[in-house]
PDB file of N, CA and C in Angstrom:
ATOM      1  N   UNK A   1     145.734 154.618  49.257  1.00  0.00           N
ATOM      2  CA  UNK A   1     144.884 153.457  49.363  1.00  0.00           C
ATOM      3  C   UNK A   1     143.582 153.673  48.583  1.00  0.00           C
ATOM      4  N   UNK A   2     142.990 154.839  48.710  1.00  0.00           N
ATOM      5  CA  UNK A   2     141.771 155.127  47.964  1.00  0.00           C
ATOM      6  C   UNK A   2     142.033 155.111  46.470  1.00  0.00           C
ATOM      7  N   UNK A   3     143.193 155.650  46.083  1.00  0.00           N
ATOM      8  CA  UNK A   3     143.533 155.694  44.664  1.00  0.00           C
ATOM      9  C   UNK A   3     143.650 154.282  44.096  1.00  0.00           C
ATOM     10  N   UNK A   4     144.348 153.408  44.810  1.00  0.00           N
ATOM     11  CA  UNK A   4     144.482 152.025  44.353  1.00  0.00           C
ATOM     12  C   UNK A   4     143.117 151.373  44.242  1.00  0.00           C
ATOM     13  N   UNK A   5     142.302 151.631  45.208  1.00  0.00           N
ATOM     14  CA  UNK A   5     140.962 151.064  45.198  1.00  0.00           C
ATOM     15  C   UNK A   5     140.174 151.592  44.011  1.00  0.00           C
ATOM     16  N   UNK A   6     140.306 152.877  43.716  1.00  0.00           N
ATOM     17  CA  UNK A   6     139.623 153.476  42.579  1.00  0.00           C
ATOM     18  C   UNK A   6     140.096 152.907  41.254  1.00  0.00           C
ATOM     19  N   UNK A   7     141.403 152.724  41.122  1.00  0.00           N
ATOM     20  CA  UNK A   7     141.963 152.146  39.902  1.00  0.00           C
ATOM     21  C   UNK A   7     141.483 150.708  39.767  1.00  0.00           C
ATOM     22  N   UNK A   8     141.520 149.963  40.840  1.00  0.00           N
ATOM     23  CA  UNK A   8     141.053 148.573  40.813  1.00  0.00           C
ATOM     24  C   UNK A   8     139.588 148.521  40.383  1.00  0.00           C
ATOM     25  N   UNK A   9     138.775 149.408  40.899  1.00  0.00           N
ATOM     26  CA  UNK A   9     137.358 149.430  40.557  1.00  0.00           C
ATOM     27  C   UNK A   9     137.153 149.720  39.074  1.00  0.00           C
ATOM     28  N   UNK A  10     137.928 150.645  38.511  1.00  0.00           N
ATOM     29  CA  UNK A  10     137.785 150.976  37.097  1.00  0.00           C
ATOM     30  C   UNK A  10     138.169 149.788  36.220  1.00  0.00           C
ATOM     31  N   UNK A  11     139.243 149.091  36.563  1.00  0.00           N
ATOM     32  CA  UNK A  11     139.641 147.918  35.780  1.00  0.00           C
ATOM     33  C   UNK A  11     138.558 146.851  35.822  1.00  0.00           C
ATOM     34  N   UNK A  12     138.001 146.603  36.995  1.00  0.00           N
ATOM     35  CA  UNK A  12     136.945 145.611  37.146  1.00  0.00           C
ATOM     36  C   UNK A  12     135.703 146.028  36.375  1.00  0.00           C
ATOM     37  N   UNK A  13     135.352 147.284  36.465  1.00  0.00           N
ATOM     38  CA  UNK A  13     134.168 147.798  35.777  1.00  0.00           C
ATOM     39  C   UNK A  13     134.345 147.689  34.258  1.00  0.00           C
ATOM     40  N   UNK A  14     135.498 148.072  33.735  1.00  0.00           N
ATOM     41  CA  UNK A  14     135.741 148.007  32.302  1.00  0.00           C
ATOM     42  C   UNK A  14     135.722 146.562  31.811  1.00  0.00           C
ATOM     43  N   UNK A  15     136.331 145.650  32.551  1.00  0.00           N
ATOM     44  CA  UNK A  15     136.330 144.254  32.158  1.00  0.00           C
ATOM     45  C   UNK A  15     134.906 143.712  32.150  1.00  0.00           C
ATOM     46  N   UNK A  16     134.124 144.050  33.161  1.00  0.00           N
ATOM     47  CA  UNK A  16     132.744 143.571  33.252  1.00  0.00           C
ATOM     48  C   UNK A  16     131.904 144.047  32.093  1.00  0.00           C
ATOM     49  N   UNK A  17     132.034 145.288  31.716  1.00  0.00           N
ATOM     50  CA  UNK A  17     131.251 145.834  30.613  1.00  0.00           C
ATOM     51  C   UNK A  17     131.650 145.167  29.301  1.00  0.00           C
ATOM     52  N   UNK A  18     132.943 145.001  29.083  1.00  0.00           N
ATOM     53  CA  UNK A  18     133.420 144.354  27.866  1.00  0.00           C
ATOM     54  C   UNK A  18     132.946 142.910  27.775  1.00  0.00           C
ATOM     55  N   UNK A  19     132.977 142.209  28.909  1.00  0.00           N
ATOM     56  CA  UNK A  19     132.515 140.821  28.925  1.00  0.00           C
ATOM     57  C   UNK A  19     131.034 140.752  28.596  1.00  0.00           C
ATOM     58  N   UNK A  20     130.253 141.677  29.136  1.00  0.00           N
ATOM     59  CA  UNK A  20     128.807 141.688  28.872  1.00  0.00           C
ATOM     60  C   UNK A  20     128.512 141.971  27.400  1.00  0.00           C
ATOM     61  N   UNK A  21     129.273 142.851  26.792  1.00  0.00           N
ATOM     62  CA  UNK A  21     129.080 143.157  25.373  1.00  0.00           C
ATOM     63  C   UNK A  21     129.355 141.918  24.530  1.00  0.00           C
ATOM     64  N   UNK A  22     130.444 141.224  24.805  1.00  0.00           N
ATOM     65  CA  UNK A  22     130.783 140.018  24.054  1.00  0.00           C
ATOM     66  C   UNK A  22     129.755 138.913  24.275  1.00  0.00           C
ATOM     67  N   UNK A  23     129.316 138.722  25.513  1.00  0.00           N
ATOM     68  CA  UNK A  23     128.307 137.697  25.801  1.00  0.00           C
ATOM     69  C   UNK A  23     126.989 138.016  25.105  1.00  0.00           C
ATOM     70  N   UNK A  24     126.647 139.294  25.025  1.00  0.00           N
ATOM     71  CA  UNK A  24     125.431 139.707  24.338  1.00  0.00           C
ATOM     72  C   UNK A  24     125.498 139.370  22.855  1.00  0.00           C
ATOM     73  N   UNK A  25     126.647 139.629  22.234  1.00  0.00           N
ATOM     74  CA  UNK A  25     126.837 139.307  20.814  1.00  0.00           C
ATOM     75  C   UNK A  25     126.733 137.796  20.581  1.00  0.00           C
ATOM     76  N   UNK A  26     127.356 137.026  21.466  1.00  0.00           N
ATOM     77  CA  UNK A  26     127.320 135.570  21.336  1.00  0.00           C
ATOM     78  C   UNK A  26     125.886 135.057  21.452  1.00  0.00           C
ATOM     79  N   UNK A  27     125.141 135.564  22.431  1.00  0.00           N
ATOM     80  CA  UNK A  27     123.764 135.128  22.623  1.00  0.00           C
ATOM     81  C   UNK A  27     122.909 135.461  21.407  1.00  0.00           C
ATOM     82  N   UNK A  28     123.098 136.640  20.853  1.00  0.00           N
ATOM     83  CA  UNK A  28     122.325 137.052  19.684  1.00  0.00           C
ATOM     84  C   UNK A  28     122.590 136.126  18.496  1.00  0.00           C
ATOM     85  N   UNK A  29     123.849 135.759  18.291  1.00  0.00           N
ATOM     86  CA  UNK A  29     124.192 134.853  17.199  1.00  0.00           C
ATOM     87  C   UNK A  29     123.603 133.453  17.401  1.00  0.00           C
ATOM     88  N   UNK A  30     123.332 133.088  18.650  1.00  0.00           N
ATOM     89  CA  UNK A  30     122.721 131.794  18.948  1.00  0.00           C
ATOM     90  C   UNK A  30     121.193 131.864  18.988  1.00  0.00           C
ATOM     91  N   UNK A  31     120.636 133.049  18.699  1.00  0.00           N
ATOM     92  CA  UNK A  31     119.181 133.201  18.689  1.00  0.00           C
ATOM     93  C   UNK A  31     118.579 133.408  20.065  1.00  0.00           C
ATOM     94  N   UNK A  32     119.361 133.917  20.993  1.00  0.00           N
ATOM     95  CA  UNK A  32     118.898 134.161  22.354  1.00  0.00           C
ATOM     96  C   UNK A  32     119.057 135.631  22.699  1.00  0.00           C
ATOM     97  N   UNK A  33     118.403 136.036  23.766  1.00  0.00           N
ATOM     98  CA  UNK A  33     118.530 137.409  24.253  1.00  0.00           C
ATOM     99  C   UNK A  33     119.332 137.390  25.550  1.00  0.00           C
ATOM    100  N   UNK A  34     120.365 138.203  25.616  1.00  0.00           N
ATOM    101  CA  UNK A  34     121.216 138.296  26.800  1.00  0.00           C
ATOM    102  C   UNK A  34     120.483 139.075  27.881  1.00  0.00           C
ATOM    103  N   UNK A  35     120.414 138.501  29.076  1.00  0.00           N
ATOM    104  CA  UNK A  35     119.772 139.180  30.203  1.00  0.00           C
ATOM    105  C   UNK A  35     120.815 139.706  31.171  1.00  0.00           C
ATOM    106  N   UNK A  36     121.790 138.877  31.524  1.00  0.00           N
ATOM    107  CA  UNK A  36     122.786 139.334  32.478  1.00  0.00           C
ATOM    108  C   UNK A  36     123.908 138.346  32.683  1.00  0.00           C
ATOM    109  N   UNK A  37     124.933 138.814  33.377  1.00  0.00           N
ATOM    110  CA  UNK A  37     126.121 138.019  33.654  1.00  0.00           C
ATOM    111  C   UNK A  37     126.477 138.189  35.116  1.00  0.00           C
ATOM    112  N   UNK A  38     126.680 137.075  35.820  1.00  0.00           N
ATOM    113  CA  UNK A  38     127.060 137.103  37.221  1.00  0.00           C
ATOM    114  C   UNK A  38     128.527 136.677  37.314  1.00  0.00           C
ATOM    115  N   UNK A  39     129.448 137.639  37.455  1.00  0.00           N
ATOM    116  CA  UNK A  39     130.872 137.293  37.488  1.00  0.00           C
ATOM    117  C   UNK A  39     131.275 136.509  38.735  1.00  0.00           C
ATOM    118  N   UNK A  40     130.560 136.677  39.831  1.00  0.00           N
ATOM    119  CA  UNK A  40     130.888 135.960  41.058  1.00  0.00           C
ATOM    120  C   UNK A  40     130.653 134.465  40.892  1.00  0.00           C
ATOM    121  N   UNK A  41     129.489 134.108  40.339  1.00  0.00           N
ATOM    122  CA  UNK A  41     129.141 132.700  40.145  1.00  0.00           C
ATOM    123  C   UNK A  41     129.501 132.190  38.755  1.00  0.00           C
ATOM    124  N   UNK A  42     130.014 133.079  37.891  1.00  0.00           N
ATOM    125  CA  UNK A  42     130.379 132.721  36.523  1.00  0.00           C
ATOM    126  C   UNK A  42     129.196 132.099  35.786  1.00  0.00           C
ATOM    127  N   UNK A  43     128.052 132.830  35.791  1.00  0.00           N
ATOM    128  CA  UNK A  43     126.839 132.372  35.135  1.00  0.00           C
ATOM    129  C   UNK A  43     126.324 133.421  34.167  1.00  0.00           C
ATOM    130  N   UNK A  44     125.676 132.939  33.101  1.00  0.00           N
ATOM    131  CA  UNK A  44     125.080 133.807  32.098  1.00  0.00           C
ATOM    132  C   UNK A  44     123.574 133.564  32.101  1.00  0.00           C
ATOM    133  N   UNK A  45     122.793 134.636  32.176  1.00  0.00           N
ATOM    134  CA  UNK A  45     121.343 134.529  32.121  1.00  0.00           C
ATOM    135  C   UNK A  45     120.868 134.979  30.748  1.00  0.00           C
ATOM    136  N   UNK A  46     120.000 134.157  30.140  1.00  0.00           N
ATOM    137  CA  UNK A  46     119.527 134.403  28.786  1.00  0.00           C
ATOM    138  C   UNK A  46     118.028 134.191  28.708  1.00  0.00           C
ATOM    139  N   UNK A  47     117.434 134.716  27.637  1.00  0.00           N
ATOM    140  CA  UNK A  47     116.042 134.437  27.339  1.00  0.00           C
ATOM    141  C   UNK A  47     116.018 133.641  26.041  1.00  0.00           C
ATOM    142  N   UNK A  48     115.357 132.486  26.086  1.00  0.00           N
ATOM    143  CA  UNK A  48     115.264 131.625  24.906  1.00  0.00           C
ATOM    144  C   UNK A  48     113.819 131.146  24.789  1.00  0.00           C
ATOM    145  N   UNK A  49     113.183 131.511  23.673  1.00  0.00           N
ATOM    146  CA  UNK A  49     111.780 131.163  23.421  1.00  0.00           C
ATOM    147  C   UNK A  49     110.867 131.632  24.538  1.00  0.00           C
ATOM    148  N   UNK A  50     111.120 132.834  25.023  1.00  0.00           N
ATOM    149  CA  UNK A  50     110.279 133.452  26.037  1.00  0.00           C
ATOM    150  C   UNK A  50     110.515 132.990  27.463  1.00  0.00           C
ATOM    151  N   UNK A  51     111.496 132.141  27.682  1.00  0.00           N
ATOM    152  CA  UNK A  51     111.775 131.648  29.028  1.00  0.00           C
ATOM    153  C   UNK A  51     113.200 132.009  29.428  1.00  0.00           C
ATOM    154  N   UNK A  52     113.372 132.331  30.677  1.00  0.00           N
ATOM    155  CA  UNK A  52     114.693 132.652  31.194  1.00  0.00           C
ATOM    156  C   UNK A  52     115.455 131.401  31.560  1.00  0.00           C
ATOM    157  N   UNK A  53     116.707 131.351  31.163  1.00  0.00           N
ATOM    158  CA  UNK A  53     117.582 130.226  31.498  1.00  0.00           C
ATOM    159  C   UNK A  53     118.925 130.758  31.971  1.00  0.00           C
ATOM    160  N   UNK A  54     119.573 129.991  32.831  1.00  0.00           N
ATOM    161  CA  UNK A  54     120.887 130.365  33.341  1.00  0.00           C
ATOM    162  C   UNK A  54     121.859 129.228  33.057  1.00  0.00           C
ATOM    163  N   UNK A  55     123.000 129.571  32.466  1.00  0.00           N
ATOM    164  CA  UNK A  55     124.032 128.599  32.140  1.00  0.00           C
ATOM    165  C   UNK A  55     125.318 128.959  32.856  1.00  0.00           C
ATOM    166  N   UNK A  56     126.095 127.955  33.255  1.00  0.00           N
ATOM    167  CA  UNK A  56     127.460 128.257  33.693  1.00  0.00           C
ATOM    168  C   UNK A  56     128.207 128.862  32.504  1.00  0.00           C
ATOM    169  N   UNK A  57     129.051 129.820  32.746  1.00  0.00           N
ATOM    170  CA  UNK A  57     129.761 130.536  31.691  1.00  0.00           C
ATOM    171  C   UNK A  57     130.504 129.591  30.760  1.00  0.00           C
ATOM    172  N   UNK A  58     131.220 128.639  31.307  1.00  0.00           N
ATOM    173  CA  UNK A  58     132.010 127.729  30.475  1.00  0.00           C
ATOM    174  C   UNK A  58     131.112 126.898  29.553  1.00  0.00           C
ATOM    175  N   UNK A  59     129.969 126.452  30.068  1.00  0.00           N
ATOM    176  CA  UNK A  59     129.033 125.671  29.244  1.00  0.00           C
ATOM    177  C   UNK A  59     128.469 126.520  28.098  1.00  0.00           C
ATOM    178  N   UNK A  60     128.165 127.776  28.383  1.00  0.00           N
ATOM    179  CA  UNK A  60     127.652 128.679  27.359  1.00  0.00           C
ATOM    180  C   UNK A  60     128.692 128.893  26.257  1.00  0.00           C
ATOM    181  N   UNK A  61     129.934 129.091  26.633  1.00  0.00           N
ATOM    182  CA  UNK A  61     131.002 129.301  25.655  1.00  0.00           C
ATOM    183  C   UNK A  61     131.217 128.039  24.817  1.00  0.00           C
ATOM    184  N   UNK A  62     131.159 126.875  25.438  1.00  0.00           N
ATOM    185  CA  UNK A  62     131.301 125.625  24.700  1.00  0.00           C
ATOM    186  C   UNK A  62     130.164 125.463  23.687  1.00  0.00           C
ATOM    187  N   UNK A  63     128.945 125.804  24.089  1.00  0.00           N
ATOM    188  CA  UNK A  63     127.805 125.737  23.177  1.00  0.00           C
ATOM    189  C   UNK A  63     128.007 126.688  22.001  1.00  0.00           C
ATOM    190  N   UNK A  64     128.497 127.877  22.264  1.00  0.00           N
ATOM    191  CA  UNK A  64     128.763 128.855  21.213  1.00  0.00           C
ATOM    192  C   UNK A  64     129.822 128.312  20.247  1.00  0.00           C
ATOM    193  N   UNK A  65     130.872 127.725  20.782  1.00  0.00           N
ATOM    194  CA  UNK A  65     131.938 127.203  19.926  1.00  0.00           C
ATOM    195  C   UNK A  65     131.453 126.039  19.057  1.00  0.00           C
ATOM    196  N   UNK A  66     130.525 125.244  19.562  1.00  0.00           N
ATOM    197  CA  UNK A  66     129.994 124.121  18.774  1.00  0.00           C
ATOM    198  C   UNK A  66     129.042 124.573  17.681  1.00  0.00           C
ATOM    199  N   UNK A  67     128.198 125.579  17.977  1.00  0.00           N
ATOM    200  CA  UNK A  67     127.141 125.959  17.029  1.00  0.00           C
ATOM    201  C   UNK A  67     127.323 127.326  16.411  1.00  0.00           C
ATOM    202  N   UNK A  68     128.231 128.129  16.956  1.00  0.00           N
ATOM    203  CA  UNK A  68     128.420 129.493  16.485  1.00  0.00           C
ATOM    204  C   UNK A  68     129.118 129.539  15.138  1.00  0.00           C
ATOM    205  N   UNK A  69     129.108 130.719  14.520  1.00  0.00           N
ATOM    206  CA  UNK A  69     129.790 130.897  13.230  1.00  0.00           C
ATOM    207  C   UNK A  69     131.294 130.719  13.379  1.00  0.00           C
ATOM    208  N   UNK A  70     131.930 130.316  12.315  1.00  0.00           N
ATOM    209  CA  UNK A  70     133.379 130.091  12.336  1.00  0.00           C
ATOM    210  C   UNK A  70     134.125 131.189  11.585  1.00  0.00           C
ATOM    211  N   UNK A  71     133.700 132.418  11.794  1.00  0.00           N
ATOM    212  CA  UNK A  71     134.298 133.539  11.070  1.00  0.00           C
ATOM    213  C   UNK A  71     135.577 133.990  11.702  1.00  0.00           C
TER     214      UNK A  71
END
């Protein structure tokens, strides 16, 4: 039981770190600074023009797809 729990924790931890890295890259390309990601509420916290803002994850991704590079 502990082993399963440990494996589950590692998968969750690795996914969380990877998601944060990608969100950070997306924010930088949009001219924002990535502050944090809340996986429970599916929200992204960013700094834009010196002010902190929080977006629902899906809205942030849609904004990136509309204005982000098409590489």
